[in-house]
C-alpha atoms as a PDB file:
ATOM      1  CA  UNK A   1       0.220  -0.035   0.325  1.00  0.00           C
ATOM      2  CA  UNK A   2       1.747   3.475  -1.182  1.00  0.00           C
ATOM      3  CA  UNK A   3       1.945   5.827   1.292  1.00  0.00           C
ATOM      4  CA  UNK A   4      -0.074   9.170   0.836  1.00  0.00           C
ATOM      5  CA  UNK A   5       2.109  12.547   0.401  1.00  0.00           C
ATOM      6  CA  UNK A   6      -0.242  15.511  -0.118  1.00  0.00           C
ATOM      7  CA  UNK A   7       1.143  19.121  -0.291  1.00  0.00           C
ATOM      8  CA  UNK A   8      -1.443  21.825  -0.362  1.00  0.00           C
ATOM      9  CA  UNK A   9      -0.153  24.593  -2.100  1.00  0.00           C
ATOM     10  CA  UNK A  10      -2.225  27.959  -2.551  1.00  0.00           C
ATOM     11  CA  UNK A  11      -2.245  30.889  -5.075  1.00  0.00           C
ATOM     12  CA  UNK A  12       1.026  32.316  -5.430  1.00  0.00           C
ATOM     13  CA  UNK A  13       2.877  29.257  -3.778  1.00  0.00           C
ATOM     14  CA  UNK A  14       7.019  29.056  -4.020  1.00  0.00           C
ATOM     15  CA  UNK A  15       7.207  26.831  -6.503  1.00  0.00           C
ATOM     16  CA  UNK A  16      10.520  24.884  -5.130  1.00  0.00           C
ATOM     17  CA  UNK A  17       8.077  24.386  -1.910  1.00  0.00           C
ATOM     18  CA  UNK A  18       6.101  22.077  -3.814  1.00  0.00           C
ATOM     19  CA  UNK A  19       8.714  20.662  -6.352  1.00  0.00           C
ATOM     20  CA  UNK A  20      11.545  20.251  -4.072  1.00  0.00           C
ATOM     21  CA  UNK A  21       9.948  17.690  -1.983  1.00  0.00           C
ATOM     22  CA  UNK A  22       8.015  16.295  -4.558  1.00  0.00           C
ATOM     23  CA  UNK A  23      11.409  15.105  -6.663  1.00  0.00           C
ATOM     24  CA  UNK A  24      12.657  13.712  -3.309  1.00  0.00           C
ATOM     25  CA  UNK A  25       9.876  11.402  -2.894  1.00  0.00           C
ATOM     26  CA  UNK A  26       9.589  10.738  -6.245  1.00  0.00           C
ATOM     27  CA  UNK A  27      13.153   9.725  -6.492  1.00  0.00           C
ATOM     28  CA  UNK A  28      12.472   7.468  -3.025  1.00  0.00           C
ATOM     29  CA  UNK A  29      10.054   5.688  -5.255  1.00  0.00           C
ATOM     30  CA  UNK A  30      12.693   4.891  -8.531  1.00  0.00           C
ATOM     31  CA  UNK A  31      15.480   3.630  -6.092  1.00  0.00           C
ATOM     32  CA  UNK A  32      13.039   1.839  -3.964  1.00  0.00           C
ATOM     33  CA  UNK A  33      11.788   0.281  -7.429  1.00  0.00           C
ATOM     34  CA  UNK A  34       8.184   0.355  -6.371  1.00  0.00           C
ATOM     35  CA  UNK A  35       5.700   3.318  -5.646  1.00  0.00           C
ATOM     36  CA  UNK A  36       6.004   3.741  -1.936  1.00  0.00           C
ATOM     37  CA  UNK A  37       4.698   7.112  -2.107  1.00  0.00           C
ATOM     38  CA  UNK A  38       1.610   8.643  -4.018  1.00  0.00           C
ATOM     39  CA  UNK A  39       2.062  12.410  -4.435  1.00  0.00           C
ATOM     40  CA  UNK A  40      -0.556  15.148  -4.660  1.00  0.00           C
ATOM     41  CA  UNK A  41      -0.575  18.463  -4.843  1.00  0.00           C
ATOM     42  CA  UNK A  42      -3.943  20.051  -3.222  1.00  0.00           C
ATOM     43  CA  UNK A  43      -5.047  23.375  -4.376  1.00  0.00           C
ATOM     44  CA  UNK A  44      -8.022  25.950  -3.069  1.00  0.00           C
ATOM     45  CA  UNK A  45      -9.775  25.130  -6.662  1.00  0.00           C
ATOM     46  CA  UNK A  46      -8.998  22.196  -9.343  1.00  0.00           C
ATOM     47  CA  UNK A  47      -7.729  25.317 -11.664  1.00  0.00           C
ATOM     48  CA  UNK A  48      -4.119  25.898 -12.266  1.00  0.00           C
ATOM     49  CA  UNK A  49      -1.834  27.443  -9.464  1.00  0.00           C
ATOM     50  CA  UNK A  50      -0.242  30.600 -10.422  1.00  0.00           C
ATOM     51  CA  UNK A  51       3.070  30.567  -8.412  1.00  0.00           C
ATOM     52  CA  UNK A  52       5.369  33.320  -7.820  1.00  0.00           C
ATOM     53  CA  UNK A  53       7.575  32.917 -10.642  1.00  0.00           C
ATOM     54  CA  UNK A  54       4.248  33.045 -13.141  1.00  0.00           C
ATOM     55  CA  UNK A  55       4.985  29.133 -13.408  1.00  0.00           C
ATOM     56  CA  UNK A  56       1.439  27.083 -13.325  1.00  0.00           C
ATOM     57  CA  UNK A  57       0.940  24.355 -11.478  1.00  0.00           C
ATOM     58  CA  UNK A  58      -1.633  22.043 -12.006  1.00  0.00           C
ATOM     59  CA  UNK A  59      -3.432  19.918  -8.637  1.00  0.00           C
ATOM     60  CA  UNK A  60      -4.205  16.636  -8.290  1.00  0.00           C
ATOM     61  CA  UNK A  61      -7.526  17.865  -5.658  1.00  0.00           C
ATOM     62  CA  UNK A  62      -8.819  20.999  -4.371  1.00  0.00           C
ATOM     63  CA  UNK A  63      -9.718  21.276  -0.929  1.00  0.00           C
ATOM     64  CA  UNK A  64     -13.567  20.674  -1.957  1.00  0.00           C
ATOM     65  CA  UNK A  65     -13.131  17.270  -3.093  1.00  0.00           C
ATOM     66  CA  UNK A  66     -14.076  14.219  -0.696  1.00  0.00           C
ATOM     67  CA  UNK A  67     -10.222  12.425  -0.025  1.00  0.00           C
ATOM     68  CA  UNK A  68      -9.076   9.891   2.270  1.00  0.00           C
ATOM     69  CA  UNK A  69      -6.903  12.254   4.873  1.00  0.00           C
ATOM     70  CA  UNK A  70      -2.964  11.671   3.612  1.00  0.00           C
ATOM     71  CA  UNK A  71      -0.433  10.202   5.524  1.00  0.00           C
ATOM     72  CA  UNK A  72       1.822  12.717   5.309  1.00  0.00           C
ATOM     73  CA  UNK A  73       0.571  16.789   4.948  1.00  0.00           C
ATOM     74  CA  UNK A  74       2.877  19.248   4.297  1.00  0.00           C
ATOM     75  CA  UNK A  75       1.508  23.147   3.372  1.00  0.00           C
ATOM     76  CA  UNK A  76       3.800  25.044   1.111  1.00  0.00           C
ATOM     77  CA  UNK A  77       4.667  28.942   1.885  1.00  0.00           C
ATOM     78  CA  UNK A  78       4.386  31.885  -0.611  1.00  0.00           C
ATOM     79  CA  UNK A  79       6.113  35.128  -0.679  1.00  0.00           C
ATOM     80  CA  UNK A  80       4.063  37.102   1.781  1.00  0.00           C
ATOM     81  CA  UNK A  81       1.617  34.535   2.645  1.00  0.00           C
ATOM     82  CA  UNK A  82       1.410  36.447   5.738  1.00  0.00           C
ATOM     83  CA  UNK A  83      -0.313  39.610   5.006  1.00  0.00           C
ATOM     84  CA  UNK A  84      -2.474  37.719   2.403  1.00  0.00           C
ATOM     85  CA  UNK A  85      -6.145  37.731   3.115  1.00  0.00           C
ATOM     86  CA  UNK A  86      -6.872  34.623   5.129  1.00  0.00           C
ATOM     87  CA  UNK A  87      -8.537  31.703   3.130  1.00  0.00           C
ATOM     88  CA  UNK A  88     -11.074  29.863   5.895  1.00  0.00           C
ATOM     89  CA  UNK A  89     -11.699  27.105   4.099  1.00  0.00           C
ATOM     90  CA  UNK A  90      -8.260  26.437   3.180  1.00  0.00           C
ATOM     91  CA  UNK A  91      -7.201  26.738   7.223  1.00  0.00           C
ATOM     92  CA  UNK A  92     -10.300  24.598   8.091  1.00  0.00           C
ATOM     93  CA  UNK A  93      -9.405  21.874   5.121  1.00  0.00           C
ATOM     94  CA  UNK A  94      -5.870  22.044   6.635  1.00  0.00           C
ATOM     95  CA  UNK A  95      -6.783  21.146   9.967  1.00  0.00           C
ATOM     96  CA  UNK A  96      -9.287  18.960   9.229  1.00  0.00           C
ATOM     97  CA  UNK A  97      -6.812  16.906   7.518  1.00  0.00           C
ATOM     98  CA  UNK A  98      -3.906  17.040   9.229  1.00  0.00           C
ATOM     99  CA  UNK A  99      -5.419  16.117  12.730  1.00  0.00           C
ATOM    100  CA  UNK A 100      -6.172  12.604  11.029  1.00  0.00           C
ATOM    101  CA  UNK A 101      -2.477  12.320   9.411  1.00  0.00           C
ATOM    102  CA  UNK A 102       0.324  10.439  10.863  1.00  0.00           C
ATOM    103  CA  UNK A 103       2.659  13.480  10.297  1.00  0.00           C
ATOM    104  CA  UNK A 104       1.958  17.019   8.814  1.00  0.00           C
ATOM    105  CA  UNK A 105       4.176  20.549   8.876  1.00  0.00           C
ATOM    106  CA  UNK A 106       5.196  23.083   6.236  1.00  0.00           C
ATOM    107  CA  UNK A 107       7.849  24.115   4.008  1.00  0.00           C
ATOM    108  CA  UNK A 108       8.971  28.010   4.493  1.00  0.00           C
ATOM    109  CA  UNK A 109       6.216  30.287   5.378  1.00  0.00           C
ATOM    110  CA  UNK A 110       3.963  27.644   4.501  1.00  0.00           C
ATOM    111  CA  UNK A 111       4.168  27.966   8.573  1.00  0.00           C
ATOM    112  CA  UNK A 112       1.932  30.966   8.743  1.00  0.00           C
ATOM    113  CA  UNK A 113      -0.947  29.131   7.586  1.00  0.00           C
ATOM    114  CA  UNK A 114      -0.435  25.584   9.117  1.00  0.00           C
ATOM    115  CA  UNK A 115      -0.230  27.762  12.913  1.00  0.00           C
ATOM    116  CA  UNK A 116      -3.445  29.278  11.479  1.00  0.00           C
ATOM    117  CA  UNK A 117      -4.823  25.964  12.079  1.00  0.00           C
ATOM    118  CA  UNK A 118      -3.917  26.440  15.729  1.00  0.00           C
ATOM    119  CA  UNK A 119      -2.323  22.560  15.367  1.00  0.00           C
ATOM    120  CA  UNK A 120       1.220  24.159  16.140  1.00  0.00           C
ATOM    121  CA  UNK A 121       0.609  25.908  19.687  1.00  0.00           C
ATOM    122  CA  UNK A 122       3.248  24.383  22.126  1.00  0.00           C
ATOM    123  CA  UNK A 123       5.032  23.116  19.618  1.00  0.00           C
ATOM    124  CA  UNK A 124       8.942  24.050  18.216  1.00  0.00           C
ATOM    125  CA  UNK A 125       8.879  24.331  14.588  1.00  0.00           C
ATOM    126  CA  UNK A 126      11.037  26.133  12.003  1.00  0.00           C
ATOM    127  CA  UNK A 127       9.974  28.323   9.137  1.00  0.00           C
ATOM    128  CA  UNK A 128      12.537  31.001   6.442  1.00  0.00           C
ATOM    129  CA  UNK A 129      14.782  32.732   8.532  1.00  0.00           C
ATOM    130  CA  UNK A 130      13.409  36.132   7.395  1.00  0.00           C
ATOM    131  CA  UNK A 131       9.983  35.375   8.380  1.00  0.00           C
ATOM    132  CA  UNK A 132      10.784  33.856  11.830  1.00  0.00           C
ATOM    133  CA  UNK A 133      10.674  36.795  13.985  1.00  0.00           C
ATOM    134  CA  UNK A 134       7.550  37.589  12.313  1.00  0.00           C
ATOM    135  CA  UNK A 135       5.679  34.437  12.987  1.00  0.00           C
ATOM    136  CA  UNK A 136       7.052  34.287  16.385  1.00  0.00           C
ATOM    137  CA  UNK A 137       5.069  37.374  16.885  1.00  0.00           C
ATOM    138  CA  UNK A 138       1.885  36.396  15.119  1.00  0.00           C
ATOM    139  CA  UNK A 139       1.921  33.079  17.156  1.00  0.00           C
ATOM    140  CA  UNK A 140       3.611  33.510  20.888  1.00  0.00           C
ATOM    141  CA  UNK A 141       2.567  30.066  22.077  1.00  0.00           C
ATOM    142  CA  UNK A 142       5.019  28.330  19.212  1.00  0.00           C
ATOM    143  CA  UNK A 143       8.972  28.098  19.639  1.00  0.00           C
ATOM    144  CA  UNK A 144      10.108  29.253  16.473  1.00  0.00           C
ATOM    145  CA  UNK A 145      14.033  28.135  16.182  1.00  0.00           C
ATOM    146  CA  UNK A 146      15.098  30.691  13.008  1.00  0.00           C
ATOM    147  CA  UNK A 147      18.619  28.582  12.790  1.00  0.00           C
ATOM    148  CA  UNK A 148      16.845  24.954  12.434  1.00  0.00           C
ATOM    149  CA  UNK A 149      16.781  23.763   8.233  1.00  0.00           C
ATOM    150  CA  UNK A 150      14.301  21.248   9.343  1.00  0.00           C
ATOM    151  CA  UNK A 151      12.220  20.317  12.864  1.00  0.00           C
ATOM    152  CA  UNK A 152      10.391  17.380  13.863  1.00  0.00           C
ATOM    153  CA  UNK A 153       7.933  17.518  17.121  1.00  0.00           C
ATOM    154  CA  UNK A 154       6.032  14.488  17.850  1.00  0.00           C
ATOM    155  CA  UNK A 155       3.419  14.800  14.145  1.00  0.00           C
ATOM    156  CA  UNK A 156       4.542  17.689  13.325  1.00  0.00           C
ATOM    157  CA  UNK A 157       8.223  18.404  10.691  1.00  0.00           C
ATOM    158  CA  UNK A 158       8.420  22.164   9.584  1.00  0.00           C
ATOM    159  CA  UNK A 159      11.079  23.110   7.140  1.00  0.00           C
ATOM    160  CA  UNK A 160      12.935  26.530   6.715  1.00  0.00           C
ATOM    161  CA  UNK A 161      13.435  28.295   3.475  1.00  0.00           C
ATOM    162  CA  UNK A 162      12.547  26.912  -0.010  1.00  0.00           C
ATOM    163  CA  UNK A 163      15.387  24.321  -0.486  1.00  0.00           C
ATOM    164  CA  UNK A 164      15.364  23.322   3.381  1.00  0.00           C
ATOM    165  CA  UNK A 165      11.991  21.104   2.179  1.00  0.00           C
ATOM    166  CA  UNK A 166      14.222  19.202   0.299  1.00  0.00           C
ATOM    167  CA  UNK A 167      16.133  18.300   3.419  1.00  0.00           C
ATOM    168  CA  UNK A 168      12.703  17.770   5.417  1.00  0.00           C
ATOM    169  CA  UNK A 169      11.569  15.087   2.502  1.00  0.00           C
ATOM    170  CA  UNK A 170      14.810  13.286   2.639  1.00  0.00           C
ATOM    171  CA  UNK A 171      14.704  12.854   6.914  1.00  0.00           C
ATOM    172  CA  UNK A 172      11.032  11.656   6.169  1.00  0.00           C
ATOM    173  CA  UNK A 173      12.023   9.054   3.612  1.00  0.00           C
ATOM    174  CA  UNK A 174      14.982   7.926   5.988  1.00  0.00           C
ATOM    175  CA  UNK A 175      12.505   7.215   8.496  1.00  0.00           C
ATOM    176  CA  UNK A 176      10.305   5.218   6.276  1.00  0.00           C
ATOM    177  CA  UNK A 177      12.215   3.540   4.151  1.00  0.00           C
ATOM    178  CA  UNK A 178      16.262   3.701   5.606  1.00  0.00           C
ATOM    179  CA  UNK A 179      19.494   5.607   5.605  1.00  0.00           C
ATOM    180  CA  UNK A 180      20.663   3.417   3.082  1.00  0.00           C
ATOM    181  CA  UNK A 181      18.127   4.442   0.483  1.00  0.00           C
ATOM    182  CA  UNK A 182      18.103   7.843   1.801  1.00  0.00           C
ATOM    183  CA  UNK A 183      21.639   8.340   0.759  1.00  0.00           C
ATOM    184  CA  UNK A 184      21.015   6.889  -2.564  1.00  0.00           C
ATOM    185  CA  UNK A 185      17.970   9.296  -3.446  1.00  0.00           C
ATOM    186  CA  UNK A 186      20.776  12.219  -1.924  1.00  0.00           C
ATOM    187  CA  UNK A 187      23.083  11.031  -4.500  1.00  0.00           C
ATOM    188  CA  UNK A 188      21.084  11.094  -7.164  1.00  0.00           C
ATOM    189  CA  UNK A 189      19.724  14.431  -6.305  1.00  0.00           C
ATOM    190  CA  UNK A 190      22.930  15.897  -5.729  1.00  0.00           C
ATOM    191  CA  UNK A 191      22.619  17.166  -2.607  1.00  0.00           C
ATOM    192  CA  UNK A 192      23.779  16.845   1.650  1.00  0.00           C
ATOM    193  CA  UNK A 193      22.432  13.645   2.587  1.00  0.00           C
ATOM    194  CA  UNK A 194      22.942  16.050   6.181  1.00  0.00           C
ATOM    195  CA  UNK A 195      23.620  19.708   5.104  1.00  0.00           C
ATOM    196  CA  UNK A 196      26.273  21.388   7.876  1.00  0.00           C
ATOM    197  CA  UNK A 197      25.258  24.223   9.628  1.00  0.00           C
ATOM    198  CA  UNK A 198      21.952  25.925  10.175  1.00  0.00           C
ATOM    199  CA  UNK A 199      20.268  28.021   7.757  1.00  0.00           C
ATOM    200  CA  UNK A 200      21.262  31.342   9.780  1.00  0.00           C
ATOM    201  CA  UNK A 201      24.531  30.931   8.144  1.00  0.00           C
ATOM    202  CA  UNK A 202      22.476  31.765   4.595  1.00  0.00           C
ATOM    203  CA  UNK A 203      20.631  35.119   6.263  1.00  0.00           C
ATOM    204  CA  UNK A 204      21.454  38.374   4.774  1.00  0.00           C
ATOM    205  CA  UNK A 205      19.904  40.225   7.575  1.00  0.00           C
ATOM    206  CA  UNK A 206      23.402  41.459   9.072  1.00  0.00           C
ATOM    207  CA  UNK A 207      24.313  42.490  12.303  1.00  0.00           C
ATOM    208  CA  UNK A 208      21.487  43.320  15.144  1.00  0.00           C
ATOM    209  CA  UNK A 209      19.461  46.482  14.680  1.00  0.00           C
ATOM    210  CA  UNK A 210      20.988  49.855  15.725  1.00  0.00           C
ATOM    211  CA  UNK A 211      18.396  50.855  18.158  1.00  0.00           C
ATOM    212  CA  UNK A 212      17.563  52.387  21.725  1.00  0.00           C
ATOM    213  CA  UNK A 213      18.601  55.451  23.295  1.00  0.00           C
ATOM    214  CA  UNK A 214      21.025  57.934  20.360  1.00  0.00           C
ATOM    215  CA  UNK A 215      24.008  57.283  22.433  1.00  0.00           C
ATOM    216  CA  UNK A 216      23.474  53.561  22.715  1.00  0.00           C
ATOM    217  CA  UNK A 217      22.909  53.663  18.848  1.00  0.00           C
ATOM    218  CA  UNK A 218      25.803  55.766  18.218  1.00  0.00           C
ATOM    219  CA  UNK A 219      27.526  53.238  20.080  1.00  0.00           C
ATOM    220  CA  UNK A 220      26.818  50.334  17.981  1.00  0.00           C
ATOM    221  CA  UNK A 221      27.548  51.772  15.188  1.00  0.00           C
ATOM    222  CA  UNK A 222      31.125  52.378  16.506  1.00  0.00           C
ATOM    223  CA  UNK A 223      31.209  48.569  17.502  1.00  0.00           C
ATOM    224  CA  UNK A 224      29.905  47.590  13.920  1.00  0.00           C
ATOM    225  CA  UNK A 225      32.532  49.856  12.239  1.00  0.00           C
ATOM    226  CA  UNK A 226      35.349  48.364  14.328  1.00  0.00           C
ATOM    227  CA  UNK A 227      35.420  45.214  15.387  1.00  0.00           C
ATOM    228  CA  UNK A 228      38.736  44.265  16.194  1.00  0.00           C
ATOM    229  CA  UNK A 229      38.903  47.473  19.201  1.00  0.00           C
ATOM    230  CA  UNK A 230      38.760  46.580  23.109  1.00  0.00           C
ATOM    231  CA  UNK A 231      34.775  46.059  23.237  1.00  0.00           C
ATOM    232  CA  UNK A 232      34.582  44.701  26.878  1.00  0.00           C
ATOM    233  CA  UNK A 233      31.883  46.085  29.056  1.00  0.00           C
ATOM    234  CA  UNK A 234      34.505  47.846  30.741  1.00  0.00           C
ATOM    235  CA  UNK A 235      35.176  50.067  27.227  1.00  0.00           C
ATOM    236  CA  UNK A 236      32.186  50.137  26.029  1.00  0.00           C
ATOM    237  CA  UNK A 237      30.733  51.554  28.899  1.00  0.00           C
ATOM    238  CA  UNK A 238      33.403  54.310  29.343  1.00  0.00           C
ATOM    239  CA  UNK A 239      32.490  55.243  25.264  1.00  0.00           C
ATOM    240  CA  UNK A 240      28.610  55.485  26.369  1.00  0.00           C
ATOM    241  CA  UNK A 241      29.964  57.957  28.982  1.00  0.00           C
ATOM    242  CA  UNK A 242      27.994  55.231  31.602  1.00  0.00           C
ATOM    243  CA  UNK A 243      28.928  53.012  34.761  1.00  0.00           C
ATOM    244  CA  UNK A 244      29.876  49.405  33.389  1.00  0.00           C
ATOM    245  CA  UNK A 245      27.144  48.059  35.516  1.00  0.00           C
ATOM    246  CA  UNK A 246      24.589  50.843  34.442  1.00  0.00           C
ATOM    247  CA  UNK A 247      25.435  50.135  31.119  1.00  0.00           C
ATOM    248  CA  UNK A 248      24.900  46.694  31.137  1.00  0.00           C
ATOM    249  CA  UNK A 249      21.660  47.072  32.496  1.00  0.00           C
ATOM    250  CA  UNK A 250      20.559  50.278  30.132  1.00  0.00           C
ATOM    251  CA  UNK A 251      21.794  48.226  26.875  1.00  0.00           C
ATOM    252  CA  UNK A 252      20.105  44.935  27.927  1.00  0.00           C
ATOM    253  CA  UNK A 253      16.592  46.577  28.608  1.00  0.00           C
ATOM    254  CA  UNK A 254      16.798  48.475  25.416  1.00  0.00           C
ATOM    255  CA  UNK A 255      18.451  45.645  23.033  1.00  0.00           C
ATOM    256  CA  UNK A 256      17.027  43.049  24.295  1.00  0.00           C
ATOM    257  CA  UNK A 257      20.720  41.051  24.358  1.00  0.00           C
ATOM    258  CA  UNK A 258      23.770  41.330  26.562  1.00  0.00           C
ATOM    259  CA  UNK A 259      26.433  43.797  24.751  1.00  0.00           C
ATOM    260  CA  UNK A 260      28.575  40.495  24.794  1.00  0.00           C
ATOM    261  CA  UNK A 261      25.965  39.370  22.421  1.00  0.00           C
ATOM    262  CA  UNK A 262      25.380  42.358  20.497  1.00  0.00           C
ATOM    263  CA  UNK A 263      29.341  42.494  20.042  1.00  0.00           C
ATOM    264  CA  UNK A 264      29.700  38.353  18.944  1.00  0.00           C
ATOM    265  CA  UNK A 265      26.831  39.123  16.046  1.00  0.00           C
ATOM    266  CA  UNK A 266      28.643  42.158  14.466  1.00  0.00           C
ATOM    267  CA  UNK A 267      32.171  40.507  15.154  1.00  0.00           C
ATOM    268  CA  UNK A 268      30.763  36.885  12.994  1.00  0.00           C
ATOM    269  CA  UNK A 269      29.069  39.317  10.385  1.00  0.00           C
ATOM    270  CA  UNK A 270      32.158  41.145   9.767  1.00  0.00           C
ATOM    271  CA  UNK A 271      34.090  37.531   9.409  1.00  0.00           C
ATOM    272  CA  UNK A 272      31.461  36.207   6.945  1.00  0.00           C
ATOM    273  CA  UNK A 273      32.345  38.902   4.292  1.00  0.00           C
ATOM    274  CA  UNK A 274      35.642  38.151   4.885  1.00  0.00           C
ATOM    275  CA  UNK A 275      35.014  34.481   4.374  1.00  0.00           C
ATOM    276  CA  UNK A 276      33.302  34.659   1.503  1.00  0.00           C
ATOM    277  CA  UNK A 277      35.605  37.116  -0.310  1.00  0.00           C
ATOM    278  CA  UNK A 278      38.461  34.038   0.014  1.00  0.00           C
ATOM    279  CA  UNK A 279      41.228  36.008   0.210  1.00  0.00           C
ATOM    280  CA  UNK A 280      42.588  36.720   3.956  1.00  0.00           C
ATOM    281  CA  UNK A 281      43.998  33.599   6.064  1.00  0.00           C
ATOM    282  CA  UNK A 282      41.384  32.572   9.016  1.00  0.00           C
ATOM    283  CA  UNK A 283      44.096  34.177  11.584  1.00  0.00           C
ATOM    284  CA  UNK A 284      44.117  37.550   9.734  1.00  0.00           C
ATOM    285  CA  UNK A 285      40.341  37.251   9.503  1.00  0.00           C
ATOM    286  CA  UNK A 286      40.488  36.246  13.412  1.00  0.00           C
ATOM    287  CA  UNK A 287      42.629  39.159  14.420  1.00  0.00           C
ATOM    288  CA  UNK A 288      40.766  41.796  12.219  1.00  0.00           C
ATOM    289  CA  UNK A 289      37.487  40.941  13.855  1.00  0.00           C
ATOM    290  CA  UNK A 290      38.724  41.109  17.305  1.00  0.00           C
ATOM    291  CA  UNK A 291      39.559  37.212  18.136  1.00  0.00           C
ATOM    292  CA  UNK A 292      43.090  36.435  19.867  1.00  0.00           C
ATOM    293  CA  UNK A 293      43.274  33.155  17.853  1.00  0.00           C
ATOM    294  CA  UNK A 294      41.475  31.057  15.340  1.00  0.00           C
ATOM    295  CA  UNK A 295      39.961  28.841  17.685  1.00  0.00           C
ATOM    296  CA  UNK A 296      37.814  31.963  19.389  1.00  0.00           C
ATOM    297  CA  UNK A 297      36.146  32.952  15.970  1.00  0.00           C
ATOM    298  CA  UNK A 298      35.363  28.979  15.339  1.00  0.00           C
ATOM    299  CA  UNK A 299      33.578  29.201  18.956  1.00  0.00           C
ATOM    300  CA  UNK A 300      31.856  32.116  17.695  1.00  0.00           C
ATOM    301  CA  UNK A 301      30.744  30.705  14.238  1.00  0.00           C
ATOM    302  CA  UNK A 302      29.546  27.499  15.706  1.00  0.00           C
ATOM    303  CA  UNK A 303      27.495  29.179  18.533  1.00  0.00           C
ATOM    304  CA  UNK A 304      25.533  31.879  16.032  1.00  0.00           C
ATOM    305  CA  UNK A 305      25.869  29.704  12.401  1.00  0.00           C
ATOM    306  CA  UNK A 306      25.960  26.162  13.923  1.00  0.00           C
ATOM    307  CA  UNK A 307      29.038  25.924  11.047  1.00  0.00           C
ATOM    308  CA  UNK A 308      32.919  26.281  11.325  1.00  0.00           C
ATOM    309  CA  UNK A 309      34.455  29.203   9.369  1.00  0.00           C
ATOM    310  CA  UNK A 310      36.148  26.678   7.261  1.00  0.00           C
ATOM    311  CA  UNK A 311      33.371  25.078   6.501  1.00  0.00           C
ATOM    312  CA  UNK A 312      31.004  28.446   5.842  1.00  0.00           C
ATOM    313  CA  UNK A 313      34.282  29.886   3.291  1.00  0.00           C
ATOM    314  CA  UNK A 314      33.875  26.601   1.353  1.00  0.00           C
ATOM    315  CA  UNK A 315      30.167  27.557   0.748  1.00  0.00           C
ATOM    316  CA  UNK A 316      31.750  30.641  -0.989  1.00  0.00           C
ATOM    317  CA  UNK A 317      34.862  29.694  -2.363  1.00  0.00           C
ATOM    318  CA  UNK A 318      34.451  27.911  -5.968  1.00  0.00           C
ATOM    319  CA  UNK A 319      36.865  25.486  -7.490  1.00  0.00           C
ATOM    320  CA  UNK A 320      38.085  26.919 -10.750  1.00  0.00           C
ATOM    321  CA  UNK A 321      36.467  25.579 -14.095  1.00  0.00           C
ATOM    322  CA  UNK A 322      38.446  23.611 -16.191  1.00  0.00           C
END
């Protein structure tokens, strides 16, 4: 008996949120030499769905068709979905079938639709790094982990942005059909079996936003522009004209983080840009970013990006074309 995988796709859907996971499951069928997965795309109607790229996707079913609840239900995302008009019929369909599914989840910003059903309350989930804060504000009962590529919390399985849907699908294939077959699927699709690091390595948000009173904003700009300087509490407090204790308290109140956290985020962001350039040595980059040695930079990268500086550089250093 086939395992039904249904992906709900709304108008304006990100095509790769749908096609990426489907290709992983379809490749698993080919590698296992049997139709283990029955793949379905569900739309708000049976008409072609126009994606965010303008391509059209013809769904197998609509939310108004009578269907058996799938084994696995995933909700695909769409740019701007958080601000789009709420489709109550779609949310009710997702709620009804997710409750009956063995597992359910979302890809990218599809988490907004799934969260609207109430089924994610109290769950650990992830979504695209660029909308993670907005999702957390809209649904404070969730625990949104912005660095995870994908997460499993009980029956709930959620993926970060776009291509991370393929990472999630591969993890589900491994769960269903075993590690060896999942590795064959990854090899055939030329994708990582386990991608290194988390999704924050792809974030382009930059350093923490400059905020707070004018004195602190000036200090933050100075920190960002001078990563190699002395950024101890004492030195920063002196520059701000405050006592160290008062400075630390005010900074945390207005920024929502400690001065040390802000400094580390700033330094890691500068180091990222230097590593992407691919020219300076790790030792030189560590020194330019205020670290006594490469190990200090490495620890900061692992804390903030879940990846080492060396691995991060490889992502942006291309092999010569021959």
